[in-house]
Structures are given as structure tokens and as C-alpha cells.
Amino acid sequence: MHTSSRPLHHHPFQWNQHPSLSSPSSRLSFPNYSVSTLLISSNPLPTLHSAAVKTTATKVLAMAKRSFPTKDNDFASSADLQFESPLKIVEYPDPRLRAKNKPIDKFDDNLKKLVDEMFDVMYKTEGIGLAAPQVGINVQLMVFNPVGERGEGEEIVLINPRVSKHSQKTTLFNEGCLSFPGLYADVQRPESVKIDANDIRGSRFTVTLSGLPARVFQHEFDHLQGILFFEKMTDEELDKIRDGLQGLETKYEKSTGLPRPEKIETRKRSKTGVGFGKS
């Protein structure tokens, strides 16, 4: 994920963590508890709609958790997790952004190296979140740091994430995406989400995210479902970036010599859904 104006680290926001948590570490992993809350301060960020960072109590909607396959051959293989350094961002309409992303059951040094490489490319491209399919690796893995600066904020790693609840209250946010360079538009999403995921060691944990961390998570979670951020926009917002999307489609054809695998001009206008799944 990318924000419309990068210098979020100049804003003095802070994490308001659950009292049971230990002091923040450079990479957040939640190993010793089942439920916690991550909130950001209510001071408005200059690039957001002010409502996007309010942290008031809201009603939540329960959801059926997405289940993971149990057959060994449905999990990511060693070949699925192979990569070459440095990683490169995959841009729309590359079909890898739509491919199935397999769950991970091997928590080894190769996975740790992949996570490190993903953070590297995220910082170098001035992002605040990155999902594995965005670097051409189709597995259930995301990394993010809402500050977007190495050495500041929290580095969060989520593997095989699932969503169990989300708030009824929604907020607008001017989103960008590393796979859609230079394109930004407003997207409506739930203000908070309750999730569970594996950490880098394979331990399962539950956490509730609110404000900007919730926003980044939802954007990256969509990537893991093969959903792209323009699918969550109203038709009016989509029209603002339609020319840019067509430009990326043309760029793909010229750089690969292949026909564009999808066309924004053929997308039907429909009522935009807010939450999880395709609109």
C-alpha cells in the first residue's frame, strides 16, 4: 500500500497498545497473548480524511473465517517460496496479482529472508505495506509498517491471516498501491478489524486493528484474495484513475509482448461493496 503523500513519519502519531503488551520492538510478532488492540492517535494525518483515524468504539460484524486447505499439496511448496534478490514490484495487470495465494506451513530461515527482502523493497519504493503477490510470490504473507520508515514505528508480519469481525463504521482514505504507481483515489473500508494470523515463527495469534493499521491490513488482505483496490472504489472514484489504469495495461503489453490479461474498460459498473470480498 502507498499513501497519497509519503511523509507520514513527520506526523507525531503513536501506538496505544493494550496494557498487557510489552514495550514495542522493531518487529511486532504478538507471541504471548491471544487478543490485543493496536490503535493510532486521534490526531488527523494530513493526507487522510479526518474520520480515518478516529478510534471510538464501534459496532462489529461477525464473519465466517476463511478456512485453509488441509491437504499437504495445497500448501506452499519450497518452489513456491523461491525468489531472487532484489525483489521487484509486480504492476497491474500482471496475472500474478490475480493468482491463488497458497497458505504457508514452513516457518524457516528462507521465509525470514523473504520477509526481510519484502521490507527492503517496501521501504525503497516508499510504501507502508506489501503483500507477497506484489513481488510475484503467490503465498499468504504480508508485511507493513504504518510509519513507512526503516527504524521507526512497528514492522508487522502476518502469515495466513483471516478476518473474523469488522466494524460497521467505515471511513474514507485516499489510497495508493505500489502495483499501481502514481494512482490514488478514495476507498471506503471498515474502521477496525479483528483478525488471526501466524507470526514469523508459526505461532497463531489474534489481534484487533484500528485506524491506519486496519486500513493497511485490509488493502494487503485484498491482495491475498486476488482483489485489487480499484474494485473497492465507487464509479466516480474509479473514473478518476481510469486513464492511468489503461496506461498501465498498455505498458504491460509493450514490456511483455503479451496481450493485457484484463481491461478496465470491460469492467461493469456496479454498486461498490464495503468489507471483504469482491464488490
Protein backbone atom coordinates (compact mmCIF):
# COMPACT_ATOMS: atom_id res chain seq x y z
CA MET A 1 0.00 0.00 0.00
CA HIS A 2 1.06 3.56 -0.68
CA THR A 3 -0.30 6.86 0.63
CA SER A 4 -1.01 9.94 -1.42
CA SER A 5 1.66 11.90 0.43
CA ARG A 6 4.55 9.84 1.71
CA PRO A 7 5.96 11.71 4.75
CA LEU A 8 3.75 10.08 7.38
CA HIS A 9 6.78 9.78 9.66
CA HIS A 10 6.67 13.52 10.23
CA HIS A 11 3.28 13.16 11.90
CA PRO A 12 3.57 12.58 15.66
CA PHE A 13 1.23 9.59 15.91
CA GLN A 14 1.84 6.87 18.42
CA TRP A 15 0.68 3.37 19.15
CA ASN A 16 -1.80 3.00 22.01
CA GLN A 17 -1.29 -0.64 22.89
CA HIS A 18 -3.14 -2.94 25.23
CA PRO A 19 -1.71 -2.60 28.76
CA SER A 20 -0.67 -6.25 28.80
CA LEU A 21 1.74 -5.82 25.91
CA SER A 22 5.43 -5.44 26.39
CA SER A 23 7.24 -2.37 25.09
CA PRO A 24 7.32 -2.03 21.29
CA SER A 25 10.01 -3.92 19.43
CA SER A 26 11.36 -3.27 15.99
CA ARG A 27 9.30 -6.13 14.54
CA LEU A 28 5.93 -6.93 16.04
CA SER A 29 5.04 -10.61 16.39
CA PHE A 30 2.47 -11.00 19.24
CA PRO A 31 3.80 -14.32 20.59
CA ASN A 32 2.49 -14.37 24.17
CA TYR A 33 -1.19 -13.44 24.16
CA SER A 34 -4.39 -14.19 22.30
CA VAL A 35 -6.08 -10.80 21.93
CA SER A 36 -4.66 -7.30 21.80
CA THR A 37 -5.55 -3.93 20.35
CA LEU A 38 -3.45 -1.65 18.18
CA LEU A 39 -4.72 1.90 17.85
CA ILE A 40 -3.31 5.09 16.45
CA SER A 41 -3.84 8.50 17.96
CA SER A 42 -6.87 10.55 17.02
CA ASN A 43 -4.77 13.44 15.63
CA PRO A 44 -5.63 13.69 11.92
CA LEU A 45 -2.93 12.79 9.43
CA PRO A 46 -2.54 15.47 6.79
CA THR A 47 -3.22 13.13 3.86
CA LEU A 48 -6.26 11.36 5.28
CA HIS A 49 -9.90 12.20 5.77
CA SER A 50 -10.05 13.15 9.43
CA ALA A 51 -12.53 10.37 10.19
CA ALA A 52 -10.00 7.80 9.09
CA VAL A 53 -8.08 7.97 12.36
CA LYS A 54 -10.86 8.24 14.95
CA THR A 55 -10.63 5.47 17.50
CA THR A 56 -14.09 5.41 19.04
CA ALA A 57 -15.96 2.23 19.94
CA THR A 58 -17.97 0.85 17.01
CA LYS A 59 -20.36 -2.00 16.33
CA VAL A 60 -18.78 -5.04 14.75
CA LEU A 61 -19.99 -7.60 12.25
CA ALA A 62 -19.04 -11.23 12.75
CA MET A 63 -17.76 -13.10 9.70
CA ALA A 64 -17.13 -16.70 8.84
CA LYS A 65 -13.39 -17.21 8.83
CA ARG A 66 -11.84 -18.28 5.58
CA SER A 67 -10.59 -21.83 6.12
CA PHE A 68 -7.29 -23.12 4.86
CA PRO A 69 -6.84 -26.37 2.93
CA THR A 70 -5.55 -29.35 4.85
CA LYS A 71 -4.02 -31.36 2.02
CA ASP A 72 -0.23 -31.13 2.00
CA ASN A 73 -0.13 -30.32 -1.72
CA ASP A 74 -2.40 -27.28 -1.18
CA PHE A 75 0.20 -25.52 0.98
CA ALA A 76 3.06 -23.51 -0.48
CA SER A 77 5.96 -25.71 -1.57
CA SER A 78 9.63 -24.80 -1.37
CA ALA A 79 9.43 -23.92 -5.06
CA ASP A 80 6.52 -21.55 -4.39
CA LEU A 81 8.70 -19.69 -1.88
CA GLN A 82 11.80 -19.40 -4.06
CA PHE A 83 12.80 -15.88 -5.01
CA GLU A 84 15.66 -13.86 -6.44
CA SER A 85 17.10 -10.76 -4.83
CA PRO A 86 16.38 -7.96 -5.19
CA LEU A 87 12.62 -8.38 -5.31
CA LYS A 88 10.73 -6.31 -7.87
CA ILE A 89 7.22 -4.88 -7.62
CA VAL A 90 4.66 -6.55 -9.89
CA GLU A 91 2.45 -3.96 -11.59
CA TYR A 92 -1.13 -4.18 -12.80
CA PRO A 93 -2.36 -6.00 -14.90
CA ASP A 94 0.22 -8.76 -14.29
CA PRO A 95 -1.78 -12.01 -13.80
CA ARG A 96 0.21 -12.86 -10.66
CA LEU A 97 -1.88 -10.22 -8.88
CA ARG A 98 -4.95 -12.38 -9.56
CA ALA A 99 -3.44 -15.82 -8.93
CA LYS A 100 -4.33 -18.04 -5.96
CA ASN A 101 -2.11 -17.42 -2.94
CA LYS A 102 -1.25 -20.57 -1.02
CA PRO A 103 -1.07 -20.78 2.79
CA ILE A 104 2.34 -21.32 4.37
CA ASP A 105 3.22 -24.18 6.73
CA LYS A 106 7.03 -23.96 6.72
CA PHE A 107 8.42 -21.28 9.02
CA ASP A 108 12.13 -21.46 8.26
CA ASP A 109 15.11 -19.26 7.52
CA ASN A 110 14.06 -18.89 3.88
CA LEU A 111 10.76 -17.39 4.99
CA LYS A 112 12.57 -14.98 7.31
CA LYS A 113 14.82 -13.92 4.45
CA LEU A 114 11.79 -13.38 2.21
CA VAL A 115 10.20 -11.18 4.88
CA ASP A 116 13.42 -9.13 5.17
CA GLU A 117 13.54 -8.71 1.39
CA MET A 118 9.89 -7.62 1.30
CA PHE A 119 10.54 -4.94 3.90
CA ASP A 120 13.56 -3.79 1.90
CA VAL A 121 11.62 -3.30 -1.32
CA MET A 122 8.69 -1.76 0.57
CA TYR A 123 10.91 0.94 2.09
CA LYS A 124 12.82 1.53 -1.15
CA THR A 125 9.57 2.14 -3.03
CA GLU A 126 8.21 4.36 -0.23
CA GLY A 127 5.35 2.04 0.68
CA ILE A 128 3.77 1.30 4.04
CA GLY A 129 2.52 -2.19 3.23
CA LEU A 130 3.28 -5.03 0.83
CA ALA A 131 1.70 -8.40 0.05
CA ALA A 132 3.69 -11.32 -1.35
CA PRO A 133 1.86 -11.48 -4.71
CA GLN A 134 3.02 -7.90 -5.31
CA VAL A 135 6.55 -9.27 -5.63
CA GLY A 136 5.42 -12.26 -7.70
CA ILE A 137 5.25 -14.79 -4.86
CA ASN A 138 1.78 -16.27 -4.54
CA VAL A 139 1.59 -17.10 -0.85
CA GLN A 140 -0.43 -15.84 2.13
CA LEU A 141 2.07 -13.33 3.51
CA MET A 142 2.02 -9.59 4.11
CA VAL A 143 4.31 -7.08 5.80
CA PHE A 144 3.63 -3.49 6.79
CA ASN A 145 4.82 -0.56 8.83
CA PRO A 146 2.29 2.31 9.01
CA VAL A 147 5.13 4.81 9.55
CA GLY A 148 6.87 3.72 6.35
CA GLU A 149 10.38 4.43 7.68
CA ARG A 150 13.00 1.82 8.49
CA GLY A 151 13.86 2.02 12.18
CA GLU A 152 10.64 3.85 13.09
CA GLY A 153 7.20 2.52 14.02
CA GLU A 154 6.41 -1.21 14.05
CA GLU A 155 7.28 -3.80 11.43
CA ILE A 156 4.31 -6.17 11.31
CA VAL A 157 4.41 -9.62 9.68
CA LEU A 158 1.16 -11.54 9.11
CA ILE A 159 1.11 -15.05 7.63
CA ASN A 160 -2.08 -16.91 6.69
CA PRO A 161 -4.30 -14.08 8.01
CA ARG A 162 -8.06 -14.47 8.47
CA VAL A 163 -10.73 -11.93 9.37
CA SER A 164 -13.36 -12.80 11.99
CA LYS A 165 -15.02 -9.42 12.62
CA HIS A 166 -15.09 -5.92 11.23
CA SER A 167 -16.76 -2.73 12.38
CA GLN A 168 -19.95 -1.43 10.82
CA LYS A 169 -18.47 2.04 10.89
CA THR A 170 -16.48 2.82 7.76
CA THR A 171 -14.06 5.57 6.79
CA LEU A 172 -12.67 7.08 3.61
CA PHE A 173 -8.97 7.03 2.85
CA ASN A 174 -7.07 8.27 -0.19
CA GLU A 175 -5.25 5.05 -1.10
CA GLY A 176 -2.43 4.29 -3.45
CA CYS A 177 -0.77 0.98 -4.27
CA LEU A 178 2.78 0.03 -5.20
CA SER A 179 1.37 -2.12 -8.00
CA PHE A 180 -0.41 0.96 -9.42
CA PRO A 181 2.34 3.62 -9.44
CA GLY A 182 1.08 7.19 -9.37
CA LEU A 183 -2.61 6.33 -8.98
CA TYR A 184 -4.61 7.44 -5.92
CA ALA A 185 -8.31 7.50 -5.12
CA ASP A 186 -10.68 7.31 -2.14
CA VAL A 187 -11.67 3.89 -0.83
CA GLN A 188 -14.29 3.19 1.85
CA ARG A 189 -13.37 0.47 4.34
CA PRO A 190 -14.32 -0.69 7.86
CA GLU A 191 -12.62 1.32 10.59
CA SER A 192 -11.47 -1.73 12.58
CA VAL A 193 -10.98 -5.46 12.06
CA LYS A 194 -10.36 -8.47 14.27
CA ILE A 195 -8.01 -10.98 12.70
CA ASP A 196 -5.94 -14.04 13.44
CA ALA A 197 -2.68 -14.98 11.75
CA ASN A 198 0.63 -16.79 12.16
CA ASP A 199 3.73 -14.87 13.15
CA ILE A 200 7.17 -15.46 11.62
CA ARG A 201 7.75 -18.42 13.98
CA GLY A 202 4.42 -20.05 13.10
CA SER A 203 2.56 -19.20 16.32
CA ARG A 204 -1.09 -18.34 15.86
CA PHE A 205 -2.41 -15.15 17.48
CA THR A 206 -5.44 -12.88 17.43
CA VAL A 207 -5.34 -9.09 17.21
CA THR A 208 -7.74 -6.19 16.64
CA LEU A 209 -6.50 -3.39 14.37
CA SER A 210 -7.98 0.10 14.19
CA GLY A 211 -7.25 3.27 12.23
CA LEU A 212 -4.34 3.26 9.82
CA PRO A 213 -3.06 -0.25 10.71
CA ALA A 214 -6.56 -1.63 9.97
CA ARG A 215 -6.60 0.24 6.66
CA VAL A 216 -3.22 -1.10 5.59
CA PHE A 217 -4.15 -4.64 6.63
CA GLN A 218 -7.37 -4.58 4.60
CA HIS A 219 -5.59 -3.31 1.50
CA GLU A 220 -2.96 -6.07 1.73
CA PHE A 221 -5.52 -8.73 2.69
CA ASP A 222 -7.39 -7.93 -0.52
CA HIS A 223 -4.20 -8.66 -2.45
CA LEU A 224 -4.03 -12.09 -0.82
CA GLN A 225 -7.57 -12.74 -2.12
CA GLY A 226 -6.67 -11.57 -5.63
CA ILE A 227 -8.68 -8.36 -5.17
CA LEU A 228 -7.29 -5.00 -6.30
CA PHE A 229 -8.05 -1.66 -4.69
CA PHE A 230 -9.90 -0.15 -7.65
CA GLU A 231 -12.56 -2.85 -7.19
CA LYS A 232 -13.50 -1.21 -3.88
CA MET A 233 -13.99 2.25 -5.41
CA THR A 234 -17.19 3.98 -6.41
CA ASP A 235 -17.62 4.51 -10.13
CA GLU A 236 -16.89 8.20 -9.61
CA GLU A 237 -13.56 7.46 -7.94
CA LEU A 238 -12.68 4.81 -10.49
CA ASP A 239 -13.24 7.29 -13.30
CA LYS A 240 -10.50 9.48 -11.77
CA ILE A 241 -7.86 6.79 -12.38
CA ARG A 242 -9.35 5.02 -15.41
CA ASP A 243 -6.88 6.61 -17.84
CA GLY A 244 -4.00 5.64 -15.56
CA LEU A 245 -5.19 2.03 -15.43
CA GLN A 246 -5.39 1.90 -19.20
CA GLY A 247 -1.88 3.35 -19.34
CA LEU A 248 -0.59 0.51 -17.14
CA GLU A 249 -2.34 -2.03 -19.36
CA THR A 250 -0.59 -0.56 -22.41
CA LYS A 251 2.73 -0.55 -20.56
CA TYR A 252 2.27 -4.25 -19.76
CA GLU A 253 1.66 -5.11 -23.41
CA LYS A 254 4.72 -3.19 -24.57
CA SER A 255 7.06 -4.59 -21.91
CA THR A 256 5.96 -8.23 -22.19
CA GLY A 257 4.78 -8.56 -25.79
CA LEU A 258 1.65 -10.23 -24.41
CA PRO A 259 -1.96 -9.11 -24.62
CA ARG A 260 -3.29 -7.43 -21.48
CA PRO A 261 -4.89 -10.13 -19.28
CA GLU A 262 -7.67 -7.78 -18.17
CA LYS A 263 -9.13 -4.48 -19.33
CA ILE A 264 -10.62 -1.81 -17.12
CA GLU A 265 -12.83 -0.70 -20.00
CA THR A 266 -14.71 -4.02 -19.84
CA ARG A 267 -15.40 -3.80 -16.11
CA LYS A 268 -19.08 -3.48 -15.44
CA ARG A 269 -20.29 -0.60 -13.33
CA SER A 270 -21.79 -1.92 -10.13
CA LYS A 271 -22.60 -1.00 -6.56
CA THR A 272 -19.36 -0.89 -4.61
CA GLY A 273 -19.12 -3.27 -1.66
CA VAL A 274 -17.54 -2.24 1.62
CA GLY A 275 -15.88 -5.01 3.62
CA PHE A 276 -14.29 -8.19 2.37
CA GLY A 277 -14.65 -9.91 -0.96
CA LYS A 278 -15.22 -8.56 -4.43
CA SER A 279 -17.55 -5.60 -4.96
